[in-house]
């Protein structure tokens, strides 16, 4: 069974969104520069293991805030899989559509996005290990 491991929140104004979520929920926010000069803000809703960066609390997930894009206009979930390539084949054969192919995220892993049969955009995550 594949589990949800991350959430993502798009924002039109990054500073405003960070202030909103940080002040209301007390989330820890850490900016992370990305390729192309974009910025991604890591959101910690619970403490993480410093080695694995995974939540210490069972069942909890952390997330991110990023500048709203054409592809990702609404909040989305990210599901961890052992192989994005294999899962994307299943997505397509079940009526879904790939909207962003697999791409590396530093040396941490890979991400891809698909649109399900209901029009929702969902992310997939594959660890690099």
N, C-alpha and C. Protein backbone atom coordinates (compact mmCIF):
# COMPACT_ATOMS: atom_id res chain seq x y z
N UNK A 1 0.85 -1.17 0.00
CA UNK A 1 0.00 0.00 0.00
C UNK A 1 0.90 1.24 0.00
N UNK A 2 0.62 2.19 -0.88
CA UNK A 2 1.39 3.43 -0.95
C UNK A 2 0.75 4.48 -0.03
N UNK A 3 1.60 5.21 0.69
CA UNK A 3 1.08 6.18 1.66
C UNK A 3 1.29 7.62 1.19
N UNK A 4 0.43 8.51 1.68
CA UNK A 4 0.58 9.94 1.46
C UNK A 4 1.71 10.40 2.37
N UNK A 5 2.72 11.08 1.79
CA UNK A 5 3.89 11.48 2.57
C UNK A 5 4.13 12.99 2.59
N UNK A 6 3.33 13.74 1.84
CA UNK A 6 3.63 15.17 1.67
C UNK A 6 2.38 15.87 1.17
N UNK A 7 2.23 17.14 1.49
CA UNK A 7 1.18 17.97 0.89
C UNK A 7 1.84 19.20 0.30
N UNK A 8 1.17 19.82 -0.67
CA UNK A 8 1.70 21.04 -1.28
C UNK A 8 0.59 22.08 -1.39
N UNK A 9 0.95 23.31 -1.06
CA UNK A 9 0.02 24.43 -1.10
C UNK A 9 0.56 25.49 -2.05
N UNK A 10 -0.13 25.76 -3.16
CA UNK A 10 0.31 26.84 -4.05
C UNK A 10 -0.08 28.21 -3.49
N UNK A 11 0.70 29.22 -3.81
CA UNK A 11 0.43 30.57 -3.31
C UNK A 11 0.71 31.60 -4.40
N UNK A 12 -0.11 32.63 -4.43
CA UNK A 12 0.14 33.75 -5.33
C UNK A 12 1.19 34.68 -4.74
N UNK A 13 1.17 34.84 -3.42
CA UNK A 13 2.11 35.70 -2.70
C UNK A 13 2.77 34.84 -1.61
N UNK A 14 4.00 34.43 -1.86
CA UNK A 14 4.69 33.51 -0.95
C UNK A 14 4.80 34.07 0.47
N UNK A 15 5.21 35.33 0.59
CA UNK A 15 5.37 35.92 1.93
C UNK A 15 4.05 35.93 2.69
N UNK A 16 2.98 36.30 2.01
CA UNK A 16 1.66 36.33 2.64
C UNK A 16 1.24 34.93 3.09
N UNK A 17 1.44 33.94 2.23
CA UNK A 17 1.06 32.56 2.56
C UNK A 17 1.88 32.03 3.74
N UNK A 18 3.19 32.30 3.74
CA UNK A 18 4.04 31.83 4.83
C UNK A 18 3.61 32.46 6.16
N UNK A 19 3.32 33.74 6.12
CA UNK A 19 2.87 34.43 7.34
C UNK A 19 1.55 33.84 7.82
N UNK A 20 0.62 33.59 6.91
CA UNK A 20 -0.68 33.04 7.24
C UNK A 20 -0.55 31.68 7.91
N UNK A 21 0.10 30.72 7.25
CA UNK A 21 0.19 29.36 7.77
C UNK A 21 1.10 29.26 8.99
N UNK A 22 2.18 30.03 8.98
CA UNK A 22 3.09 30.00 10.13
C UNK A 22 2.45 30.56 11.38
N UNK A 23 1.70 31.65 11.24
CA UNK A 23 1.11 32.28 12.42
C UNK A 23 -0.12 31.52 12.93
N UNK A 24 -0.92 30.98 12.06
CA UNK A 24 -2.13 30.30 12.49
C UNK A 24 -1.83 28.93 13.09
N UNK A 25 -0.98 28.14 12.42
CA UNK A 25 -0.76 26.76 12.84
C UNK A 25 0.57 26.52 13.55
N UNK A 26 1.44 27.53 13.57
CA UNK A 26 2.73 27.37 14.23
C UNK A 26 3.69 26.48 13.47
N UNK A 27 3.45 26.31 12.17
CA UNK A 27 4.32 25.46 11.35
C UNK A 27 5.70 26.10 11.21
N UNK A 28 6.75 25.27 11.17
CA UNK A 28 8.10 25.74 10.88
C UNK A 28 8.24 25.84 9.37
N UNK A 29 8.74 26.96 8.89
CA UNK A 29 8.88 27.20 7.45
C UNK A 29 10.34 27.45 7.12
N UNK A 30 10.83 26.76 6.09
CA UNK A 30 12.23 26.91 5.70
C UNK A 30 12.31 27.01 4.18
N UNK A 31 12.83 28.15 3.70
CA UNK A 31 12.97 28.34 2.26
C UNK A 31 14.07 27.45 1.70
N UNK A 32 13.82 26.93 0.51
CA UNK A 32 14.77 26.07 -0.18
C UNK A 32 14.84 26.52 -1.63
N UNK A 33 15.98 27.10 -2.05
CA UNK A 33 16.10 27.54 -3.44
C UNK A 33 16.05 26.33 -4.39
N UNK A 34 15.37 26.53 -5.51
CA UNK A 34 15.24 25.48 -6.52
C UNK A 34 15.86 25.96 -7.82
N UNK A 35 15.98 25.04 -8.77
CA UNK A 35 16.54 25.40 -10.07
C UNK A 35 15.69 26.48 -10.74
N UNK A 36 16.31 27.28 -11.55
CA UNK A 36 15.60 28.35 -12.25
C UNK A 36 15.26 29.54 -11.39
N UNK A 37 15.87 29.64 -10.20
CA UNK A 37 15.64 30.78 -9.33
C UNK A 37 14.32 30.71 -8.56
N UNK A 38 13.59 29.62 -8.68
CA UNK A 38 12.34 29.48 -7.94
C UNK A 38 12.63 29.16 -6.47
N UNK A 39 11.65 29.42 -5.64
CA UNK A 39 11.79 29.14 -4.22
C UNK A 39 10.69 28.18 -3.78
N UNK A 40 11.04 27.23 -2.96
CA UNK A 40 10.09 26.27 -2.39
C UNK A 40 10.25 26.36 -0.89
N UNK A 41 9.16 26.46 -0.17
CA UNK A 41 9.22 26.56 1.27
C UNK A 41 8.82 25.23 1.89
N UNK A 42 9.73 24.61 2.60
CA UNK A 42 9.46 23.37 3.30
C UNK A 42 8.60 23.71 4.52
N UNK A 43 7.54 22.94 4.73
CA UNK A 43 6.63 23.14 5.85
C UNK A 43 6.75 21.95 6.79
N UNK A 44 7.11 22.22 8.02
CA UNK A 44 7.18 21.17 9.04
C UNK A 44 6.00 21.35 9.99
N UNK A 45 5.12 20.38 9.98
CA UNK A 45 3.96 20.40 10.88
C UNK A 45 4.26 19.62 12.15
N UNK A 46 5.28 18.77 12.09
CA UNK A 46 5.73 17.97 13.24
C UNK A 46 7.24 17.84 13.17
N UNK A 47 7.90 17.55 14.28
CA UNK A 47 9.36 17.35 14.26
C UNK A 47 9.74 16.18 13.34
N UNK A 48 10.96 16.27 12.79
CA UNK A 48 11.44 15.23 11.88
C UNK A 48 12.72 14.61 12.42
N UNK A 49 12.98 13.39 11.98
CA UNK A 49 14.23 12.71 12.27
C UNK A 49 15.30 13.41 11.44
N UNK A 50 16.38 13.83 12.05
CA UNK A 50 17.40 14.62 11.35
C UNK A 50 18.13 13.82 10.26
N UNK A 51 18.17 12.50 10.37
CA UNK A 51 18.81 11.68 9.33
C UNK A 51 17.90 11.45 8.14
N UNK A 52 16.66 11.08 8.41
CA UNK A 52 15.74 10.71 7.33
C UNK A 52 14.86 11.86 6.87
N UNK A 53 14.75 12.89 7.68
CA UNK A 53 13.86 14.04 7.43
C UNK A 53 12.40 13.64 7.40
N UNK A 54 12.09 12.47 7.90
CA UNK A 54 10.70 11.99 7.97
C UNK A 54 10.12 12.36 9.34
N UNK A 55 8.79 12.58 9.39
CA UNK A 55 8.16 12.91 10.68
C UNK A 55 8.41 11.84 11.74
N UNK A 56 8.66 12.29 12.95
CA UNK A 56 8.86 11.36 14.07
C UNK A 56 7.52 10.78 14.54
N UNK A 57 6.45 11.50 14.30
CA UNK A 57 5.13 11.09 14.75
C UNK A 57 4.45 10.21 13.71
N UNK A 58 4.05 9.05 14.10
CA UNK A 58 3.39 8.11 13.20
C UNK A 58 2.12 8.72 12.61
N UNK A 59 1.98 8.62 11.29
CA UNK A 59 0.79 9.11 10.61
C UNK A 59 0.84 10.57 10.22
N UNK A 60 1.84 11.30 10.68
CA UNK A 60 1.94 12.73 10.37
C UNK A 60 2.66 12.94 9.04
N UNK A 61 2.36 14.03 8.37
CA UNK A 61 3.07 14.40 7.15
C UNK A 61 3.45 15.87 7.22
N UNK A 62 4.48 16.21 6.49
CA UNK A 62 4.90 17.60 6.32
C UNK A 62 4.63 18.00 4.88
N UNK A 63 4.97 19.21 4.50
CA UNK A 63 4.62 19.64 3.17
C UNK A 63 5.47 20.77 2.64
N UNK A 64 4.87 21.54 1.74
CA UNK A 64 5.57 22.65 1.12
C UNK A 64 4.61 23.70 0.60
N UNK A 65 5.15 24.89 0.43
CA UNK A 65 4.43 26.02 -0.18
C UNK A 65 5.27 26.49 -1.35
N UNK A 66 4.64 26.74 -2.48
CA UNK A 66 5.37 27.17 -3.67
C UNK A 66 4.53 28.18 -4.45
N UNK A 67 5.18 28.91 -5.33
CA UNK A 67 4.50 29.88 -6.18
C UNK A 67 3.55 29.14 -7.10
N UNK A 68 2.27 29.57 -7.12
CA UNK A 68 1.25 28.92 -7.93
C UNK A 68 1.70 28.85 -9.39
N UNK A 69 1.46 27.70 -10.01
CA UNK A 69 1.84 27.45 -11.40
C UNK A 69 0.61 27.04 -12.19
N UNK A 70 0.74 27.07 -13.49
CA UNK A 70 -0.36 26.64 -14.35
C UNK A 70 -0.75 25.20 -14.05
N UNK A 71 0.24 24.35 -13.86
CA UNK A 71 0.01 22.93 -13.60
C UNK A 71 -0.59 22.70 -12.22
N UNK A 72 -0.08 23.39 -11.21
CA UNK A 72 -0.49 23.16 -9.83
C UNK A 72 -1.17 24.42 -9.28
N UNK A 73 -2.49 24.44 -9.42
CA UNK A 73 -3.26 25.61 -9.01
C UNK A 73 -3.92 25.44 -7.64
N UNK A 74 -4.09 24.20 -7.22
CA UNK A 74 -4.79 23.92 -5.97
C UNK A 74 -3.92 23.03 -5.08
N UNK A 75 -4.20 22.96 -3.79
CA UNK A 75 -3.42 22.07 -2.93
C UNK A 75 -3.46 20.63 -3.44
N UNK A 76 -2.36 19.92 -3.22
CA UNK A 76 -2.30 18.54 -3.69
C UNK A 76 -1.60 17.66 -2.66
N UNK A 77 -1.80 16.38 -2.84
CA UNK A 77 -1.16 15.36 -2.02
C UNK A 77 -0.05 14.72 -2.82
N UNK A 78 0.95 14.21 -2.12
CA UNK A 78 2.06 13.50 -2.76
C UNK A 78 2.13 12.11 -2.14
N UNK A 79 2.14 11.10 -3.00
CA UNK A 79 2.12 9.71 -2.57
C UNK A 79 3.49 9.09 -2.85
N UNK A 80 4.04 8.40 -1.86
CA UNK A 80 5.34 7.75 -2.03
C UNK A 80 5.17 6.41 -2.74
N UNK A 81 6.01 6.18 -3.75
CA UNK A 81 5.99 4.92 -4.50
C UNK A 81 7.42 4.42 -4.65
N UNK A 82 7.56 3.13 -4.94
CA UNK A 82 8.90 2.58 -5.12
C UNK A 82 9.44 2.88 -6.51
N UNK A 83 8.54 3.05 -7.49
CA UNK A 83 8.95 3.36 -8.86
C UNK A 83 7.93 4.27 -9.52
N UNK A 84 8.31 5.51 -9.76
CA UNK A 84 7.42 6.44 -10.46
C UNK A 84 7.13 5.92 -11.86
N UNK A 85 8.14 5.40 -12.54
CA UNK A 85 7.94 4.92 -13.90
C UNK A 85 6.85 3.84 -13.96
N UNK A 86 6.91 2.87 -13.07
CA UNK A 86 5.91 1.81 -13.05
C UNK A 86 4.53 2.35 -12.68
N UNK A 87 4.47 3.25 -11.69
CA UNK A 87 3.19 3.78 -11.25
C UNK A 87 2.55 4.64 -12.34
N UNK A 88 3.35 5.37 -13.10
CA UNK A 88 2.80 6.19 -14.18
C UNK A 88 2.18 5.33 -15.28
N UNK A 89 2.75 4.16 -15.51
CA UNK A 89 2.15 3.23 -16.48
C UNK A 89 0.77 2.81 -15.99
N UNK A 90 0.65 2.53 -14.69
CA UNK A 90 -0.64 2.17 -14.10
C UNK A 90 -1.64 3.32 -14.19
N UNK A 91 -1.16 4.53 -13.92
CA UNK A 91 -2.01 5.72 -14.01
C UNK A 91 -2.61 5.83 -15.40
N UNK A 92 -1.75 5.74 -16.42
CA UNK A 92 -2.22 5.89 -17.80
C UNK A 92 -3.16 4.75 -18.21
N UNK A 93 -2.83 3.53 -17.83
CA UNK A 93 -3.69 2.40 -18.21
C UNK A 93 -5.03 2.42 -17.49
N UNK A 94 -5.12 3.19 -16.40
CA UNK A 94 -6.37 3.30 -15.65
C UNK A 94 -7.16 4.57 -15.98
N UNK A 95 -6.71 5.31 -17.00
CA UNK A 95 -7.45 6.49 -17.44
C UNK A 95 -6.92 7.82 -16.97
N UNK A 96 -5.81 7.81 -16.22
CA UNK A 96 -5.19 9.06 -15.78
C UNK A 96 -4.26 9.60 -16.85
N UNK A 97 -3.72 10.79 -16.59
CA UNK A 97 -2.84 11.46 -17.57
C UNK A 97 -1.62 12.03 -16.85
N UNK A 98 -0.45 11.80 -17.40
CA UNK A 98 0.78 12.39 -16.85
C UNK A 98 0.78 13.87 -17.20
N UNK A 99 0.97 14.72 -16.19
CA UNK A 99 1.02 16.17 -16.44
C UNK A 99 2.41 16.73 -16.22
N UNK A 100 3.25 16.03 -15.46
CA UNK A 100 4.67 16.40 -15.33
C UNK A 100 5.46 15.12 -15.15
N UNK A 101 6.32 14.81 -16.11
CA UNK A 101 7.12 13.59 -16.00
C UNK A 101 8.07 13.63 -14.80
N UNK A 102 8.62 12.50 -14.49
CA UNK A 102 9.57 12.34 -13.39
C UNK A 102 10.75 13.28 -13.55
N UNK A 103 11.08 13.97 -12.45
CA UNK A 103 12.26 14.84 -12.46
C UNK A 103 12.94 14.76 -11.11
N UNK A 104 14.27 14.92 -11.09
CA UNK A 104 15.00 14.84 -9.82
C UNK A 104 14.79 16.08 -8.96
N UNK A 105 14.81 15.88 -7.66
CA UNK A 105 14.79 16.98 -6.68
C UNK A 105 16.08 16.84 -5.89
N UNK A 106 17.09 17.57 -6.32
CA UNK A 106 18.41 17.47 -5.70
C UNK A 106 18.86 16.02 -5.68
N UNK A 107 19.45 15.61 -4.57
CA UNK A 107 19.85 14.21 -4.43
C UNK A 107 18.89 13.45 -3.51
N UNK A 108 17.73 14.07 -3.23
CA UNK A 108 16.76 13.46 -2.31
C UNK A 108 15.88 12.41 -2.98
N UNK A 109 15.50 12.66 -4.23
CA UNK A 109 14.59 11.73 -4.90
C UNK A 109 14.01 12.33 -6.17
N UNK A 110 12.84 11.83 -6.55
CA UNK A 110 12.20 12.24 -7.80
C UNK A 110 10.73 12.55 -7.53
N UNK A 111 10.18 13.45 -8.34
CA UNK A 111 8.78 13.81 -8.24
C UNK A 111 8.17 13.78 -9.63
N UNK A 112 6.89 13.48 -9.71
CA UNK A 112 6.12 13.54 -10.95
C UNK A 112 4.68 13.86 -10.56
N UNK A 113 3.89 14.33 -11.51
CA UNK A 113 2.49 14.65 -11.24
C UNK A 113 1.61 14.04 -12.32
N UNK A 114 0.42 13.61 -11.89
CA UNK A 114 -0.56 13.09 -12.83
C UNK A 114 -1.93 13.67 -12.52
N UNK A 115 -2.81 13.61 -13.50
CA UNK A 115 -4.19 14.01 -13.32
C UNK A 115 -5.01 12.73 -13.25
N UNK A 116 -5.81 12.60 -12.20
CA UNK A 116 -6.62 11.39 -12.05
C UNK A 116 -7.87 11.48 -12.94
N UNK A 117 -8.71 10.48 -12.87
CA UNK A 117 -9.91 10.44 -13.72
C UNK A 117 -10.93 11.50 -13.35
N UNK A 118 -10.75 12.16 -12.19
CA UNK A 118 -11.67 13.22 -11.75
C UNK A 118 -11.11 14.61 -11.98
N UNK A 119 -9.92 14.70 -12.59
CA UNK A 119 -9.30 15.99 -12.87
C UNK A 119 -8.41 16.54 -11.78
N UNK A 120 -8.18 15.77 -10.71
CA UNK A 120 -7.30 16.21 -9.63
C UNK A 120 -5.85 15.95 -9.99
N UNK A 121 -4.97 16.88 -9.65
CA UNK A 121 -3.54 16.69 -9.86
C UNK A 121 -2.95 16.13 -8.56
N UNK A 122 -2.26 14.99 -8.67
CA UNK A 122 -1.67 14.30 -7.54
C UNK A 122 -0.18 14.10 -7.82
N UNK A 123 0.65 14.23 -6.80
CA UNK A 123 2.08 14.03 -6.95
C UNK A 123 2.51 12.64 -6.56
N UNK A 124 3.60 12.19 -7.14
CA UNK A 124 4.24 10.94 -6.76
C UNK A 124 5.66 11.25 -6.34
N UNK A 125 6.14 10.58 -5.31
CA UNK A 125 7.51 10.76 -4.80
C UNK A 125 8.20 9.42 -4.77
N UNK A 126 9.46 9.43 -5.24
CA UNK A 126 10.31 8.23 -5.19
C UNK A 126 11.63 8.65 -4.56
N UNK A 127 11.98 8.02 -3.43
CA UNK A 127 13.26 8.31 -2.79
C UNK A 127 14.41 7.92 -3.72
N UNK A 128 15.52 8.61 -3.59
CA UNK A 128 16.67 8.30 -4.44
C UNK A 128 17.40 7.05 -3.99
N UNK A 129 17.14 6.59 -2.76
CA UNK A 129 17.85 5.40 -2.26
C UNK A 129 17.34 4.13 -2.89
